[in-house]
Amino acid sequence: VLKNQKLKKIDFIWVNRDIGNVSWFRNILDEFEAEQESYLASTTPQEKTNSQEQRSRYLDIHLYCTSIRSNEQTMLGNLPYHLVANMYEVIRHEDVHTQLRTPTHVGRPPWKLLFAKFKAEHRSTNVFFTGNRIMADEIKKHCDEHSFRFQNEPYF
């Protein structure tokens, strides 16, 4: 199915209930971020227009944690935590939960928005999924709507 296609970009989306599970791959994700930053920095100034720099990104990491409350759902008792987390990210340029440059988003991914973005950015898209059946069905539905190829590898 994918024999004659050249990989240009990966959007790695990881949805996890427990943010501590990111520690399994934290070092490798950190290495990917550093390698991409180095690659982008090596682009000569003449080549660095916004569109060219965006096109040259080969990996975007999207981390979602479903057990953290979003600012929209914040109750007064949680407000100081969110203020501290947001300030930490601004000052340290890294996520308070993972210490990666990639921010951790709270809640479930906005699939409809993400898939519309992927469709606008790429001629063809292949989605590789591993996870629970309910989420697989939801993602497959979005793939069908956008004419993306869907590959599912159940993990249990």
Protein backbone atom coordinates (compact mmCIF):
# COMPACT_ATOMS: atom_id res chain seq x y z
CA VAL A 1 0.00 0.00 0.00
CA LEU A 2 2.77 2.47 0.90
CA LYS A 3 5.58 1.20 -1.37
CA ASN A 4 5.91 4.20 -3.67
CA GLN A 5 5.22 6.95 -1.16
CA LYS A 6 7.92 9.11 0.36
CA LEU A 7 7.46 10.05 4.00
CA LYS A 8 7.52 13.84 4.40
CA LYS A 9 6.00 14.59 7.78
CA ILE A 10 4.91 12.83 10.95
CA ASP A 11 2.35 14.17 13.38
CA PHE A 12 2.79 11.97 16.43
CA ILE A 13 -0.34 12.22 18.60
CA TRP A 14 -0.23 10.49 21.96
CA VAL A 15 -3.35 10.43 24.13
CA ASN A 16 -2.79 9.14 27.63
CA ARG A 17 -4.77 9.13 30.83
CA ASP A 18 -1.67 9.32 33.05
CA ILE A 19 0.95 11.96 32.22
CA GLY A 20 3.55 9.84 34.02
CA ASN A 21 3.40 7.36 31.14
CA VAL A 22 5.16 9.91 28.92
CA SER A 23 8.31 9.10 30.91
CA TRP A 24 8.50 5.81 28.97
CA PHE A 25 9.53 7.72 25.85
CA ARG A 26 10.59 11.07 27.27
CA ASN A 27 14.27 10.71 26.34
CA ILE A 28 13.57 9.70 22.76
CA LEU A 29 10.98 12.47 22.32
CA ASP A 30 13.52 14.95 23.71
CA GLU A 31 16.11 13.69 21.21
CA PHE A 32 13.63 14.07 18.35
CA GLU A 33 12.87 17.64 19.41
CA ALA A 34 16.58 18.52 19.67
CA GLU A 35 17.40 16.91 16.32
CA GLN A 36 14.62 18.79 14.56
CA GLU A 37 15.67 22.10 16.16
CA SER A 38 19.23 21.52 14.98
CA TYR A 39 17.99 20.65 11.49
CA LEU A 40 15.83 23.78 11.29
CA ALA A 41 18.65 25.96 12.65
CA SER A 42 20.96 24.69 9.92
CA THR A 43 18.69 26.14 7.23
CA THR A 44 20.41 29.19 5.74
CA PRO A 45 18.80 32.60 6.43
CA GLN A 46 17.88 32.99 2.73
CA GLU A 47 15.89 29.75 2.93
CA LYS A 48 14.02 30.74 6.08
CA THR A 49 10.75 32.17 4.92
CA ASN A 50 7.80 31.19 7.08
CA SER A 51 6.36 28.79 4.53
CA GLN A 52 9.70 27.09 3.82
CA GLU A 53 10.51 26.70 7.50
CA GLN A 54 7.08 25.21 8.14
CA ARG A 55 7.49 22.81 5.22
CA SER A 56 10.87 21.69 6.49
CA ARG A 57 9.47 20.45 9.81
CA TYR A 58 9.34 16.68 9.65
CA LEU A 59 7.90 15.91 13.10
CA ASP A 60 5.23 17.52 15.23
CA ILE A 61 4.50 15.95 18.59
CA HIS A 62 1.05 16.36 20.14
CA LEU A 63 0.65 15.15 23.73
CA TYR A 64 -2.77 14.92 25.39
CA CYS A 65 -3.53 13.97 28.97
CA THR A 66 -7.13 13.13 29.74
CA SER A 67 -6.81 13.17 33.55
CA ILE A 68 -5.80 16.87 33.84
CA ARG A 69 -8.56 19.45 33.88
CA SER A 70 -8.48 22.18 31.25
CA ASN A 71 -8.63 25.87 32.13
CA GLU A 72 -12.23 25.89 30.91
CA GLN A 73 -13.08 23.20 33.46
CA THR A 74 -10.99 24.66 36.25
CA MET A 75 -12.58 24.94 39.62
CA LEU A 76 -11.40 27.70 41.92
CA GLY A 77 -9.30 25.24 43.92
CA ASN A 78 -7.26 24.29 40.83
CA LEU A 79 -6.69 27.81 39.55
CA PRO A 80 -3.27 28.40 41.19
CA TYR A 81 -1.93 25.17 39.70
CA HIS A 82 -2.86 26.25 36.15
CA LEU A 83 -1.33 29.68 36.69
CA VAL A 84 1.92 28.10 37.87
CA ALA A 85 1.94 25.58 35.00
CA ASN A 86 1.40 28.32 32.41
CA MET A 87 4.07 30.56 33.94
CA TYR A 88 6.54 27.65 34.07
CA GLU A 89 6.07 27.05 30.35
CA VAL A 90 6.59 30.73 29.50
CA ILE A 91 9.72 31.08 31.65
CA ARG A 92 11.39 27.70 31.06
CA HIS A 93 10.19 27.10 27.47
CA GLU A 94 9.25 23.55 28.41
CA ASP A 95 6.20 21.71 29.61
CA VAL A 96 5.72 21.51 33.38
CA HIS A 97 4.56 17.88 33.16
CA THR A 98 7.15 16.38 30.80
CA GLN A 99 9.99 18.93 30.60
CA LEU A 100 9.73 18.62 26.80
CA ARG A 101 9.45 21.62 24.49
CA THR A 102 6.16 20.11 23.30
CA PRO A 103 3.26 21.31 25.43
CA THR A 104 0.89 18.83 27.04
CA HIS A 105 -2.70 19.55 26.06
CA VAL A 106 -5.41 18.67 28.51
CA GLY A 107 -8.39 16.55 27.60
CA ARG A 108 -9.01 14.69 24.36
CA PRO A 109 -7.64 15.89 21.03
CA PRO A 110 -9.90 18.05 18.86
CA TRP A 111 -9.96 15.40 16.13
CA LYS A 112 -12.18 17.36 13.75
CA LEU A 113 -9.85 20.37 13.88
CA LEU A 114 -6.67 18.27 13.61
CA PHE A 115 -7.91 16.27 10.64
CA ALA A 116 -9.05 19.43 8.83
CA LYS A 117 -5.56 20.88 9.39
CA PHE A 118 -3.87 17.73 8.07
CA LYS A 119 -6.11 17.74 4.99
CA ALA A 120 -5.25 21.39 4.27
CA GLU A 121 -1.50 20.77 4.68
CA HIS A 122 -1.02 17.45 2.88
CA ARG A 123 -2.17 15.93 -0.38
CA SER A 124 -2.35 12.44 1.03
CA THR A 125 -2.30 11.27 4.61
CA ASN A 126 -1.90 7.87 6.18
CA VAL A 127 -3.00 7.37 9.78
CA PHE A 128 -1.43 4.62 11.87
CA PHE A 129 -3.24 3.93 15.13
CA THR A 130 -2.80 1.69 18.11
CA GLY A 131 -5.10 1.91 21.07
CA ASN A 132 -8.56 1.08 22.28
CA ARG A 133 -11.38 0.16 19.93
CA ILE A 134 -13.61 3.13 20.81
CA MET A 135 -10.95 5.66 19.86
CA ALA A 136 -10.04 3.61 16.77
CA ASP A 137 -13.64 3.83 15.55
CA GLU A 138 -13.69 7.59 16.13
CA ILE A 139 -10.42 8.15 14.27
CA LYS A 140 -11.47 5.84 11.43
CA LYS A 141 -14.63 7.93 11.00
CA HIS A 142 -12.52 11.09 10.61
CA CYS A 143 -10.18 9.28 8.20
CA ASP A 144 -13.14 8.25 6.05
CA GLU A 145 -14.48 11.83 6.03
CA HIS A 146 -11.12 13.17 4.78
CA SER A 147 -10.19 10.25 2.49
CA PHE A 148 -7.15 9.32 4.61
CA ARG A 149 -5.81 5.79 4.72
CA PHE A 150 -6.33 4.21 8.15
CA GLN A 151 -4.14 1.44 9.56
CA ASN A 152 -5.08 0.00 12.95
CA GLU A 153 -2.81 -2.15 15.09
CA PRO A 154 -4.80 -3.11 18.22
CA TYR A 155 -2.63 -3.45 21.30
CA PHE A 156 -4.99 -5.65 23.31
